[in-house]
Amino acid sequence: MADETQKNDAGDKASDRQRGIDEVSLELMKFIATTTGYGKPSSSTVGFSAGKGGKSGSEEYTDALLELYDRCRKVVGKQGS
C-alpha cells in the first residue's frame, strides 16, 4: 500500500511540474504575442495574394500562435530541468 502511495505522489509531482511548465509557457506566449504582435499580418491586402497558400488570415495567426507556444514550452522545459 505504501508503494502505491509513493507511486501516486511521484505521478502527482510529475503532473504538477508539467502543468506548471504549460502555465508558464502560456503566459510567456501571451506576453510575447501581445507586446510584439507576433503572428498578426503586418498589413491587410485586398484581393488575391499568392503567398497565402490557401489559408485564411485567422488560420495563419492560429498556426503562428501554436508554433510560438511550442517554442515557449521547449524553452521553459529546458529552464526547469
Foldseek 3Di string as FASTA:
>chain_A
DVVVVVVVVVVVVVVVVLVVLLVVLVVVLVVCCVVPVFQQDPDDDPDDDPPPPPDDSVVSSVVRSVVSSVVSSVVSVVVVD
